[in-house]
Protein backbone atom coordinates (compact mmCIF):
# COMPACT_ATOMS: atom_id res chain seq x y z
CA MET A 1 30.12 22.58 7.50
CA THR A 2 29.87 19.68 9.94
CA LEU A 3 31.42 16.24 9.66
CA ASP A 4 28.03 14.50 10.04
CA ARG A 5 27.63 13.84 6.35
CA PHE A 6 30.98 12.02 6.26
CA VAL A 7 30.35 9.84 9.31
CA ARG A 8 28.75 6.44 8.73
CA ILE A 9 26.10 5.94 11.39
CA LYS A 10 26.35 2.65 13.28
CA TYR A 11 22.85 1.46 14.09
CA ARG A 12 21.97 -0.94 16.89
CA SER A 13 20.85 -4.27 15.53
CA ASP A 14 19.84 -7.65 16.93
CA ASP A 15 21.60 -9.89 14.43
CA GLU A 16 20.04 -13.08 15.77
CA LYS A 17 16.51 -11.74 15.35
CA ILE A 18 17.34 -10.31 11.93
CA GLY A 19 18.71 -13.66 10.84
CA GLU A 20 15.48 -15.39 11.90
CA LEU A 21 13.42 -12.71 10.14
CA VAL A 22 15.33 -13.27 6.90
CA ARG A 23 14.99 -17.05 7.26
CA ILE A 24 11.20 -16.91 7.76
CA LEU A 25 10.63 -14.43 4.95
CA GLY A 26 12.81 -16.54 2.66
CA GLU A 27 10.68 -19.58 3.53
CA LEU A 28 7.49 -17.63 2.76
CA GLY A 29 8.62 -16.03 -0.49
CA LEU A 30 6.75 -13.92 -3.01
CA ASP A 31 4.01 -16.53 -3.48
CA CYS A 32 2.94 -16.16 0.14
CA ALA A 33 2.78 -12.37 -0.23
CA ARG A 34 0.60 -12.74 -3.30
CA THR A 35 -1.73 -15.17 -1.51
CA ILE A 36 -2.14 -12.75 1.40
CA GLU A 37 -2.82 -9.86 -0.96
CA GLU A 38 -5.40 -11.65 -3.07
CA LYS A 39 -7.05 -14.03 -0.57
CA VAL A 40 -6.59 -12.42 2.85
CA ASP A 41 -6.50 -8.64 2.40
CA LEU A 42 -10.05 -7.31 2.69
CA GLN A 43 -8.97 -4.23 0.73
CA PHE A 44 -8.38 -6.41 -2.33
CA ASP A 45 -11.96 -7.69 -2.02
CA ALA A 46 -13.23 -4.12 -1.77
CA LEU A 47 -11.46 -3.24 -5.02
CA ARG A 48 -12.84 -6.29 -6.82
CA ASN A 49 -16.32 -5.27 -5.70
CA LEU A 50 -15.88 -1.72 -7.00
CA ARG A 51 -14.51 -2.82 -10.36
CA GLU A 52 -17.40 -5.24 -10.90
CA ASN A 53 -19.94 -2.54 -10.12
CA LEU A 54 -18.33 0.26 -12.13
CA GLY A 55 -17.60 -1.72 -15.29
CA ASN A 56 -15.08 0.99 -16.26
CA ASP A 57 -11.40 0.14 -15.75
CA GLU A 58 -10.11 3.65 -16.35
CA LEU A 59 -12.40 5.21 -13.75
CA PHE A 60 -11.82 2.31 -11.38
CA ILE A 61 -8.02 2.62 -11.37
CA LYS A 62 -8.12 6.41 -11.09
CA LEU A 63 -10.48 6.21 -8.11
CA VAL A 64 -8.18 3.70 -6.41
CA VAL A 65 -5.16 6.00 -6.79
CA ALA A 66 -7.17 9.00 -5.59
CA ASN A 67 -8.45 7.07 -2.59
CA ALA A 68 -4.97 5.95 -1.60
CA ILE A 69 -3.74 9.54 -1.69
CA VAL A 70 -6.30 10.49 1.00
CA SER A 71 -5.89 7.30 3.07
CA TYR A 72 -4.31 8.82 6.16
CA GLN A 73 -5.53 10.02 9.56
CA LEU A 74 -8.36 7.50 9.29
CA SER A 75 -11.18 7.21 11.79
CA ALA A 76 -11.30 3.39 11.55
CA LYS A 77 -9.26 0.43 10.30
CA GLY A 78 -8.03 0.64 6.72
CA GLU A 79 -10.15 -2.26 5.51
CA GLN A 80 -13.30 -0.57 6.84
CA TRP A 81 -12.38 2.63 4.99
CA TRP A 82 -11.73 0.82 1.70
CA TRP A 83 -15.04 -1.02 1.92
CA GLU A 84 -16.86 2.25 2.61
CA PHE A 85 -15.12 3.72 -0.44
CA SER A 86 -16.04 0.68 -2.55
CA ARG A 87 -19.72 0.74 -1.59
CA TYR A 88 -20.06 4.50 -1.97
CA PHE A 89 -18.58 4.78 -5.45
CA SER A 90 -20.31 1.58 -6.60
CA ALA A 91 -23.57 3.42 -5.91
CA ASN A 92 -22.34 6.91 -6.83
CA PRO A 93 -19.84 6.73 -9.71
CA PRO A 94 -18.38 10.17 -10.45
CA GLY A 95 -19.81 11.70 -13.61
CA GLY A 96 -17.12 14.36 -13.75
CA SER A 97 -14.53 15.64 -11.30
CA ILE A 98 -13.17 13.10 -8.82
CA ALA A 99 -12.24 15.89 -6.39
CA GLU A 100 -15.82 17.18 -6.49
CA ALA A 101 -17.13 13.67 -5.88
CA TYR A 102 -14.93 13.41 -2.79
CA SER A 103 -16.12 16.81 -1.58
CA GLU A 104 -19.52 15.14 -1.22
CA PHE A 105 -18.21 11.80 0.04
CA LEU A 106 -15.64 12.68 2.71
CA PRO A 107 -17.67 15.10 4.88
CA ASN A 108 -20.18 12.29 5.46
CA SER A 109 -17.67 9.44 5.73
CA ARG A 110 -17.76 7.30 8.86
CA THR A 111 -14.17 6.07 8.49
CA ASN A 112 -12.23 9.02 7.03
CA ARG A 113 -13.59 12.25 8.46
CA ARG A 114 -10.46 14.03 9.70
CA ILE A 115 -8.81 17.02 7.98
CA VAL A 116 -11.25 16.76 5.07
CA ALA A 117 -10.38 20.15 3.58
CA GLY A 118 -6.70 19.22 3.27
CA LYS A 119 -7.54 15.92 1.61
CA ILE A 120 -9.81 17.62 -0.92
CA ARG A 121 -6.99 20.05 -1.77
CA ARG A 122 -4.67 17.08 -2.41
CA LEU A 123 -7.20 15.61 -4.82
CA GLU A 124 -7.59 18.93 -6.59
CA ARG A 125 -3.83 18.95 -7.19
CA LEU A 126 -3.88 15.32 -8.31
CA GLU A 127 -6.86 15.58 -10.65
CA PRO A 128 -5.16 17.16 -13.71
CA PHE A 129 -2.60 14.34 -13.65
CA LEU A 130 -5.32 11.68 -13.45
CA GLU A 131 -7.29 13.36 -16.22
CA SER A 132 -4.25 13.14 -18.51
CA LEU A 133 -4.26 9.32 -18.30
CA ASP A 134 -6.22 6.80 -20.35
CA VAL A 135 -6.34 3.01 -20.02
CA ALA A 136 -3.31 2.61 -22.28
CA ALA A 137 -1.23 4.91 -20.04
CA LEU A 138 -2.42 3.12 -16.92
CA ARG A 139 -1.50 -0.20 -18.50
CA GLU A 140 2.00 1.11 -19.26
CA TYR A 141 2.43 2.14 -15.64
CA TYR A 142 1.36 -1.32 -14.51
CA PHE A 143 3.49 -3.37 -16.89
CA GLY A 144 6.92 -1.97 -16.13
CA GLY A 145 6.29 1.60 -15.04
CA MET A 146 5.36 1.53 -11.35
CA GLU A 147 8.54 3.39 -10.40
CA ARG A 148 7.62 6.07 -12.92
CA LEU A 149 4.13 6.28 -11.43
CA ARG A 150 5.66 6.80 -7.99
CA ASP A 151 7.87 9.57 -9.34
CA ASP A 152 5.00 11.24 -11.21
CA LEU A 153 2.71 11.14 -8.16
CA ALA A 154 5.46 12.56 -5.95
CA GLY A 155 6.14 15.35 -8.44
CA THR A 156 2.47 16.18 -8.84
CA LEU A 157 1.91 16.42 -5.08
CA ASN A 158 5.33 17.91 -4.29
CA SER A 159 6.04 14.99 -1.94
CA LYS A 160 9.03 12.79 -1.26
CA LYS A 161 9.15 9.65 -3.37
CA SER A 162 9.25 7.63 -0.15
CA ALA A 163 6.25 9.42 1.42
CA LYS A 164 3.81 6.95 2.94
CA THR A 165 0.79 7.92 0.83
CA ILE A 166 2.86 7.94 -2.38
CA VAL A 167 4.20 4.40 -2.00
CA PHE A 168 0.84 3.20 -0.65
CA ALA A 169 -0.85 4.65 -3.75
CA VAL A 170 1.51 2.57 -5.89
CA LYS A 171 0.67 -0.53 -3.86
CA MET A 172 -3.08 -0.01 -4.31
CA PHE A 173 -2.54 0.83 -7.99
CA GLY A 174 -0.82 -2.56 -8.24
CA TYR A 175 -3.88 -4.21 -6.76
CA ALA A 176 -6.17 -2.37 -9.19
CA GLY A 177 -3.94 -3.18 -12.16
CA ARG A 178 -3.86 -6.85 -11.20
CA ILE A 179 -7.67 -6.91 -11.05
CA SER A 180 -8.23 -4.95 -14.28
CA PHE A 181 -5.51 -6.43 -16.46
CA GLY A 182 -5.68 -9.99 -15.11
CA GLU A 183 -1.97 -10.48 -14.64
CA PHE A 184 0.31 -10.44 -11.59
CA VAL A 185 3.22 -8.02 -11.83
CA PRO A 186 5.51 -7.91 -8.76
CA TYR A 187 6.27 -4.52 -7.27
CA PRO A 188 9.73 -3.15 -8.05
CA MET A 189 12.49 -3.63 -5.48
CA THR A 190 13.16 0.11 -5.53
CA ILE A 191 9.75 1.19 -4.18
CA GLU A 192 9.91 1.65 -0.42
CA ILE A 193 7.81 0.07 2.30
CA PRO A 194 5.12 2.44 3.69
CA ASP A 195 6.70 3.92 6.82
CA ASP A 196 3.64 3.88 9.05
CA VAL A 197 3.20 3.49 12.82
CA ARG A 198 2.96 -0.32 12.65
CA ILE A 199 6.08 -0.78 10.56
CA ASN A 200 7.99 1.76 12.64
CA ALA A 201 7.18 -0.05 15.89
CA TYR A 202 7.95 -3.50 14.45
CA THR A 203 11.28 -2.36 13.01
CA LYS A 204 12.40 -1.41 16.53
CA HIS A 205 12.30 -5.13 17.42
CA PHE A 206 15.38 -5.51 15.20
CA THR A 207 17.20 -2.20 14.91
CA ASN A 208 17.06 1.57 15.38
CA GLU A 209 17.87 2.00 11.68
CA PRO A 210 15.21 3.97 9.75
CA PRO A 211 12.52 1.50 8.59
CA VAL A 212 12.75 2.36 4.89
CA SER A 213 16.45 1.55 4.61
CA PHE A 214 16.22 -1.50 6.91
CA TRP A 215 13.42 -3.15 4.93
CA ALA A 216 15.13 -2.31 1.65
CA ARG A 217 18.10 -4.38 2.84
CA ILE A 218 15.82 -7.21 4.01
CA ALA A 219 14.14 -7.13 0.61
CA GLU A 220 17.47 -7.57 -1.16
CA GLU A 221 18.44 -10.47 1.11
CA THR A 222 15.14 -12.31 0.69
CA GLY A 223 14.29 -11.39 -2.90
CA ILE A 224 10.88 -10.08 -1.78
CA PRO A 225 10.15 -6.45 -2.77
CA PRO A 226 9.39 -4.11 0.17
CA LEU A 227 5.73 -3.59 -0.77
CA HIS A 228 5.22 -7.36 -0.74
CA ILE A 229 7.01 -7.65 2.62
CA ASP A 230 4.49 -5.09 3.88
CA SER A 231 1.71 -7.49 2.82
CA ILE A 232 3.26 -10.40 4.73
CA LEU A 233 3.66 -8.31 7.88
CA TRP A 234 0.19 -6.78 7.72
CA PRO A 235 -1.81 -9.70 9.26
CA VAL A 236 0.81 -9.99 12.03
CA LEU A 237 0.70 -6.31 13.01
CA GLY A 238 -2.80 -5.98 14.37
CA GLY A 239 -4.85 -8.07 11.98
CA SER A 240 -8.50 -8.57 12.95
CA ASP A 241 -9.98 -11.95 13.84
CA GLU A 242 -11.45 -12.10 10.32
CA VAL A 243 -8.03 -11.45 8.79
CA LEU A 244 -6.39 -14.16 10.90
CA ARG A 245 -9.17 -16.62 9.99
CA ARG A 246 -8.67 -15.89 6.29
CA LEU A 247 -4.91 -16.26 6.69
CA LYS A 248 -5.33 -19.75 8.17
CA ASP A 249 -7.91 -20.71 5.53
CA HIS A 250 -5.95 -19.58 2.48
CA CYS A 251 -2.26 -19.60 3.36
CA GLY A 252 -0.58 -22.96 3.81
CA LYS A 253 2.32 -21.26 5.55
CA SER A 254 0.18 -19.30 8.02
CA ASN A 255 2.11 -20.64 11.00
CA ALA A 256 5.34 -19.24 9.60
CA VAL A 257 3.65 -15.88 9.00
CA LEU A 258 2.41 -15.82 12.59
CA ARG A 259 5.90 -16.65 13.90
CA LEU A 260 6.94 -13.21 12.73
CA ALA A 261 4.84 -11.73 15.53
CA SER A 262 7.09 -13.29 18.19
CA LEU A 263 10.35 -11.85 16.87
């Protein structure tokens, strides 16, 4: 047995930068995150489009969760992928198996064409869980059960609860629930930020602490749940010209958001 487990690791940190980060996020608050999600994020628009065209909330929410689970190793930007998904299933709603529908969709996708076989296998494992849910169960997950959804998705897919696609699926489920049920429910503090390449690189501006634990601490200090912090950072970390235009048009605190890029 080594002593590693008993030694508290001391991470490098730039306390001045972290203090400014906390100050800016505190100024922005949860309302700014919600504005970015609903008015700036093109993925939210893609989901609204799909829901309007499907006219079936149960199928809509299940498709959103399924799509999030295979949203990795993309061949284009995430917003392009989600719009391709929205347009495809608006025109081709699954009549039966979601996994079978994706076995037709993914091989011909322009924006998500890598490791298709592995993604289909993930959906095949997920499908029995999705099939067990009705609108009432989905509503329960949305109004007070998002942590339970995370745990159930992780168990179904034999993944860590903090795995990027698991927490991202909860985030997109939150979008879908907001659209379907017409009410804003903040994400729980206990659901981690998606640990992707962008977040990993940005975290290094402040510390060499693992991103998930660092942003959990920032969330507690600012009162903004990690998934909502992810939304605030998203336009700053490589947002397109269209995203930046929408940010300036819809967010009265856009200058404060953009200051995060210089930290």
